[in-house]
Amino acid sequence: MEDKCQPLRRRILGWPGTRLGWWSVGLAATFVVLFIINATVFMPSTAEAPW
C-alpha cells in the first residue's frame, strides 16, 4: 500500500480513497445540512417560545 508512505496528517486529512470512505463523507455532509435546516427552520427561536 502506498498510503503507508504518506505522512500521518496527510492520511487523516486527505480525501478518502475507498468507496466506504466516500459514503461516510456523503453521510456526514448530509447530516450537517439536515442539522442546520433543523436548527434554523423547525426549532422555534427563544422569542417565539411560550415559556
N, C-alpha and C. Protein backbone atom coordinates (compact mmCIF):
# COMPACT_ATOMS: atom_id res chain seq x y z
N MET A 1 0.84 -1.20 0.00
CA MET A 1 0.00 0.00 0.00
C MET A 1 0.87 1.25 0.00
N GLU A 2 0.55 2.16 -0.87
CA GLU A 2 1.30 3.41 -0.91
C GLU A 2 0.87 4.38 0.17
N ASP A 3 -0.25 4.12 0.85
CA ASP A 3 -0.73 5.02 1.90
C ASP A 3 0.22 5.05 3.10
N LYS A 4 0.97 3.98 3.31
CA LYS A 4 1.87 3.93 4.46
C LYS A 4 3.04 4.90 4.31
N CYS A 5 3.35 5.29 3.08
CA CYS A 5 4.47 6.19 2.83
C CYS A 5 4.11 7.64 3.08
N GLN A 6 2.84 7.96 3.10
CA GLN A 6 2.43 9.34 3.29
C GLN A 6 2.47 9.70 4.77
N PRO A 7 2.68 10.98 5.09
CA PRO A 7 2.65 11.40 6.49
C PRO A 7 1.28 11.18 7.11
N LEU A 8 1.26 11.06 8.43
CA LEU A 8 0.02 10.77 9.15
C LEU A 8 -1.02 11.85 8.92
N ARG A 9 -0.62 13.12 8.94
CA ARG A 9 -1.57 14.22 8.74
C ARG A 9 -2.22 14.13 7.37
N ARG A 10 -1.45 13.79 6.37
CA ARG A 10 -1.98 13.68 5.00
C ARG A 10 -2.98 12.53 4.90
N ARG A 11 -2.69 11.42 5.58
CA ARG A 11 -3.61 10.27 5.54
C ARG A 11 -4.90 10.57 6.27
N ILE A 12 -4.85 11.33 7.36
CA ILE A 12 -6.05 11.62 8.14
C ILE A 12 -6.88 12.71 7.47
N LEU A 13 -6.24 13.78 7.01
CA LEU A 13 -6.97 14.93 6.47
C LEU A 13 -7.17 14.87 4.96
N GLY A 14 -6.62 13.86 4.30
CA GLY A 14 -6.77 13.76 2.86
C GLY A 14 -8.14 13.22 2.47
N TRP A 15 -8.43 13.26 1.18
CA TRP A 15 -9.69 12.73 0.68
C TRP A 15 -9.68 11.22 0.82
N PRO A 16 -10.84 10.62 1.04
CA PRO A 16 -10.90 9.17 1.20
C PRO A 16 -10.54 8.44 -0.09
N GLY A 17 -9.97 7.28 0.08
CA GLY A 17 -9.55 6.52 -1.09
C GLY A 17 -10.43 5.32 -1.38
N THR A 18 -11.40 5.05 -0.53
CA THR A 18 -12.25 3.88 -0.73
C THR A 18 -13.70 4.31 -0.92
N ARG A 19 -14.49 3.38 -1.40
CA ARG A 19 -15.91 3.65 -1.60
C ARG A 19 -16.61 3.88 -0.26
N LEU A 20 -16.22 3.11 0.76
CA LEU A 20 -16.80 3.29 2.08
C LEU A 20 -16.44 4.66 2.66
N GLY A 21 -15.23 5.12 2.39
CA GLY A 21 -14.83 6.44 2.85
C GLY A 21 -15.67 7.54 2.22
N TRP A 22 -15.96 7.41 0.93
CA TRP A 22 -16.79 8.41 0.26
C TRP A 22 -18.22 8.37 0.77
N TRP A 23 -18.73 7.19 1.10
CA TRP A 23 -20.06 7.09 1.70
C TRP A 23 -20.09 7.81 3.04
N SER A 24 -19.05 7.64 3.83
CA SER A 24 -19.03 8.30 5.14
C SER A 24 -18.95 9.82 4.99
N VAL A 25 -18.21 10.30 4.00
CA VAL A 25 -18.15 11.75 3.76
C VAL A 25 -19.52 12.26 3.31
N GLY A 26 -20.19 11.53 2.45
CA GLY A 26 -21.51 11.94 1.99
C GLY A 26 -22.54 11.94 3.11
N LEU A 27 -22.50 10.92 3.96
CA LEU A 27 -23.44 10.88 5.08
C LEU A 27 -23.15 11.98 6.09
N ALA A 28 -21.88 12.28 6.32
CA ALA A 28 -21.54 13.36 7.25
C ALA A 28 -22.00 14.71 6.69
N ALA A 29 -21.83 14.93 5.40
CA ALA A 29 -22.28 16.19 4.79
C ALA A 29 -23.80 16.30 4.84
N THR A 30 -24.49 15.19 4.60
CA THR A 30 -25.96 15.19 4.68
C THR A 30 -26.42 15.50 6.10
N PHE A 31 -25.74 14.92 7.08
CA PHE A 31 -26.09 15.17 8.48
C PHE A 31 -25.93 16.65 8.81
N VAL A 32 -24.83 17.25 8.37
CA VAL A 32 -24.59 18.67 8.68
C VAL A 32 -25.66 19.54 8.03
N VAL A 33 -26.00 19.27 6.78
CA VAL A 33 -27.02 20.06 6.09
C VAL A 33 -28.37 19.92 6.78
N LEU A 34 -28.78 18.70 7.11
CA LEU A 34 -30.07 18.49 7.76
C LEU A 34 -30.08 19.08 9.17
N PHE A 35 -28.96 19.03 9.87
CA PHE A 35 -28.87 19.61 11.20
C PHE A 35 -29.05 21.13 11.14
N ILE A 36 -28.44 21.77 10.16
CA ILE A 36 -28.58 23.22 10.00
C ILE A 36 -30.01 23.58 9.63
N ILE A 37 -30.62 22.81 8.74
CA ILE A 37 -32.02 23.06 8.38
C ILE A 37 -32.91 22.89 9.59
N ASN A 38 -32.69 21.86 10.38
CA ASN A 38 -33.49 21.63 11.57
C ASN A 38 -33.32 22.77 12.57
N ALA A 39 -32.11 23.24 12.76
CA ALA A 39 -31.86 24.29 13.74
C ALA A 39 -32.44 25.63 13.31
N THR A 40 -32.46 25.89 12.01
CA THR A 40 -32.92 27.20 11.56
C THR A 40 -34.41 27.25 11.22
N VAL A 41 -34.97 26.16 10.73
CA VAL A 41 -36.35 26.18 10.25
C VAL A 41 -37.33 25.61 11.26
N PHE A 42 -37.02 24.46 11.80
CA PHE A 42 -38.01 23.74 12.59
C PHE A 42 -37.96 24.04 14.08
N MET A 43 -36.86 24.55 14.60
CA MET A 43 -36.79 24.87 16.02
C MET A 43 -37.23 26.31 16.25
N PRO A 44 -38.15 26.53 17.17
CA PRO A 44 -38.58 27.90 17.42
C PRO A 44 -37.48 28.70 18.11
N SER A 45 -37.45 29.99 17.83
CA SER A 45 -36.47 30.83 18.49
C SER A 45 -36.92 31.12 19.92
N THR A 46 -36.06 31.72 20.72
CA THR A 46 -36.41 31.99 22.11
C THR A 46 -37.52 33.04 22.21
N ALA A 47 -37.65 33.91 21.22
CA ALA A 47 -38.70 34.92 21.25
C ALA A 47 -40.08 34.30 21.02
N GLU A 48 -40.13 33.23 20.27
CA GLU A 48 -41.41 32.59 19.97
C GLU A 48 -41.80 31.53 20.99
N ALA A 49 -40.89 31.14 21.86
CA ALA A 49 -41.18 30.08 22.83
C ALA A 49 -42.16 30.61 23.88
N PRO A 50 -43.15 29.81 24.27
CA PRO A 50 -44.17 30.29 25.21
C PRO A 50 -43.70 30.39 26.65
N TRP A 51 -42.57 29.90 27.02
CA TRP A 51 -42.14 29.96 28.41
C TRP A 51 -41.28 31.11 28.70
